[in-house]
Amino acid sequence: MRDDRSVVRSFSGSALLVGGLLLVLASSKKGEDSSVTPNSQPAETITAAELDKVYQENEVNADSRFKGKLLLVSGTVGDISKDFTDDMILTLKGENLIGVRAYVSDADKAAVANVKKGQSVSVICKGDGMMVGSPVLKGCRLK
């Protein structure tokens, strides 16, 4: 039988873990990258569906190919949202249900306000790996 102290320790450990995760996510705030401009030259051009497929097949291979690199990604907007830190996210339809999350630069706030679900868009971004089963793009600018 567990005593009250072990329950408190277990709860405290869980709270610290969640707090640490939130701190890490908040520290990557904005996904801003001042080196990304709408006129930047991408290392690779790819569709959101292709990017998602490569990540679903082999995350290690996909990271070596895309992470930290400038990409021109085109796709259909499935969702337009903000996260808990107020970052703008365009979710582009991919191979999985979640899609590809493109964190858009504040410089494109007015442009994002005019985007509609189902619209085809192209974004130039830096690949940022995969999080919770979905490829992530940071510092995105609408092309």
Protein backbone atom coordinates (compact mmCIF):
# COMPACT_ATOMS: atom_id res chain seq x y z
CA MET A 1 0.00 0.00 0.00
CA ARG A 2 1.37 3.41 -0.95
CA ASP A 3 1.72 6.00 1.74
CA ASP A 4 0.85 9.68 1.28
CA ARG A 5 4.50 10.71 0.88
CA SER A 6 5.07 8.46 -2.14
CA VAL A 7 1.91 9.80 -3.77
CA VAL A 8 3.10 13.38 -3.20
CA ARG A 9 6.58 12.55 -4.55
CA SER A 10 5.07 10.89 -7.62
CA PHE A 11 2.80 13.88 -8.24
CA SER A 12 5.65 16.34 -7.70
CA GLY A 13 7.87 14.47 -10.15
CA SER A 14 5.13 14.49 -12.77
CA ALA A 15 4.49 18.19 -12.24
CA LEU A 16 8.21 18.95 -12.66
CA LEU A 17 8.34 16.91 -15.85
CA VAL A 18 5.33 18.71 -17.35
CA GLY A 19 6.69 22.08 -16.23
CA GLY A 20 10.06 21.33 -17.81
CA LEU A 21 8.42 20.31 -21.06
CA LEU A 22 6.40 23.54 -21.14
CA LEU A 23 9.56 25.53 -20.46
CA VAL A 24 11.39 23.84 -23.34
CA LEU A 25 8.47 24.44 -25.69
CA ALA A 26 8.19 28.09 -24.63
CA SER A 27 11.93 28.62 -25.07
CA SER A 28 11.60 27.64 -28.72
CA LYS A 29 9.06 30.47 -28.98
CA LYS A 30 8.14 31.80 -32.33
CA GLY A 31 10.22 29.51 -34.43
CA GLU A 32 11.52 32.80 -35.78
CA ASP A 33 14.52 32.72 -38.01
CA SER A 34 15.55 36.10 -39.35
CA SER A 35 17.58 34.39 -42.07
CA VAL A 36 14.39 33.11 -43.74
CA THR A 37 12.84 35.59 -46.16
CA PRO A 38 10.22 35.09 -48.87
CA ASN A 39 13.07 35.37 -51.41
CA SER A 40 15.47 32.89 -49.74
CA GLN A 41 16.76 30.11 -51.98
CA PRO A 42 15.63 26.70 -50.67
CA ALA A 43 17.91 23.68 -50.59
CA GLU A 44 14.97 21.54 -51.66
CA THR A 45 11.41 21.90 -52.96
CA ILE A 46 8.90 19.33 -51.72
CA THR A 47 5.17 18.88 -51.13
CA ALA A 48 3.81 18.57 -47.60
CA ALA A 49 2.52 15.08 -48.44
CA GLU A 50 5.98 13.98 -49.65
CA LEU A 51 7.70 15.48 -46.59
CA ASP A 52 5.26 13.74 -44.28
CA LYS A 53 5.70 10.41 -46.11
CA VAL A 54 9.50 10.55 -45.82
CA TYR A 55 9.22 11.27 -42.07
CA GLN A 56 6.67 8.48 -41.54
CA GLU A 57 8.93 5.99 -43.34
CA ASN A 58 12.19 6.84 -41.50
CA GLU A 59 12.61 9.80 -39.15
CA VAL A 60 16.40 9.40 -38.92
CA ASN A 61 16.79 9.55 -42.70
CA ALA A 62 14.34 12.44 -42.97
CA ASP A 63 16.18 14.48 -40.32
CA SER A 64 19.48 14.04 -42.13
CA ARG A 65 17.83 15.22 -45.31
CA PHE A 66 15.63 18.09 -44.04
CA LYS A 67 16.41 19.18 -40.47
CA GLY A 68 18.07 22.60 -40.33
CA LYS A 69 17.76 23.03 -44.10
CA LEU A 70 15.79 25.64 -45.99
CA LEU A 71 12.79 24.07 -47.71
CA LEU A 72 10.10 25.29 -50.08
CA VAL A 73 7.02 23.30 -49.08
CA SER A 74 3.71 23.40 -50.91
CA GLY A 75 0.44 21.93 -49.80
CA THR A 76 -3.20 22.36 -48.92
CA VAL A 77 -4.07 24.16 -45.69
CA GLY A 78 -5.92 21.85 -43.32
CA ASP A 79 -5.96 24.19 -40.33
CA ILE A 80 -4.94 27.68 -39.26
CA SER A 81 -4.29 28.06 -35.54
CA LYS A 82 -2.13 29.37 -32.72
CA ASP A 83 -0.37 27.40 -30.02
CA PHE A 84 -0.27 28.20 -26.30
CA THR A 85 2.61 30.66 -26.86
CA ASP A 86 0.58 32.51 -29.54
CA ASP A 87 2.69 31.20 -32.46
CA MET A 88 0.79 31.01 -35.76
CA ILE A 89 0.61 27.54 -37.29
CA LEU A 90 -0.50 26.52 -40.75
CA THR A 91 -1.15 22.79 -40.80
CA LEU A 92 -0.60 21.44 -44.28
CA LYS A 93 -2.32 18.20 -45.22
CA GLY A 94 0.04 15.25 -45.32
CA GLU A 95 0.05 11.47 -45.22
CA ASN A 96 -1.00 11.22 -41.57
CA LEU A 97 -4.01 12.76 -39.81
CA ILE A 98 -1.95 15.46 -38.12
CA GLY A 99 -0.23 16.82 -41.23
CA VAL A 100 2.83 19.07 -41.42
CA ARG A 101 2.98 21.94 -38.92
CA ALA A 102 4.44 25.13 -40.36
CA TYR A 103 5.16 27.75 -37.67
CA VAL A 104 4.77 31.08 -39.48
CA SER A 105 6.86 34.17 -38.78
CA ASP A 106 5.10 37.16 -37.19
CA ALA A 107 6.17 39.15 -40.26
CA ASP A 108 3.46 37.25 -42.21
CA LYS A 109 0.63 37.82 -39.72
CA ALA A 110 -1.44 39.88 -42.18
CA ALA A 111 -0.95 37.30 -44.92
CA VAL A 112 -1.92 34.41 -42.61
CA ALA A 113 -5.09 36.31 -41.64
CA ASN A 114 -6.19 36.02 -45.28
CA VAL A 115 -5.43 32.30 -45.72
CA LYS A 116 -8.41 29.92 -45.88
CA LYS A 117 -8.68 26.21 -45.11
CA GLY A 118 -8.43 24.22 -48.32
CA GLN A 119 -6.24 26.87 -49.98
CA SER A 120 -3.01 25.82 -51.70
CA VAL A 121 0.03 27.62 -50.30
CA SER A 122 3.80 27.53 -50.51
CA VAL A 123 5.99 28.34 -47.53
CA ILE A 124 9.73 28.72 -47.25
CA CYS A 125 10.94 27.40 -43.88
CA LYS A 126 13.68 25.60 -42.01
CA GLY A 127 13.06 21.94 -41.31
CA ASP A 128 12.85 21.32 -37.56
CA GLY A 129 12.42 17.56 -37.32
CA MET A 130 9.40 15.68 -36.10
CA MET A 131 7.30 16.20 -32.98
CA VAL A 132 4.44 14.00 -31.82
CA GLY A 133 4.30 12.18 -35.16
CA SER A 134 4.27 15.28 -37.34
CA PRO A 135 7.01 17.04 -39.33
CA VAL A 136 7.67 20.57 -38.04
CA LEU A 137 8.80 23.60 -40.02
CA LYS A 138 10.00 26.80 -38.29
CA GLY A 139 10.45 30.44 -39.28
CA CYS A 140 8.08 30.01 -42.20
CA ARG A 141 7.32 32.77 -44.64
CA LEU A 142 4.53 32.62 -47.20
CA LYS A 143 5.88 32.60 -50.72
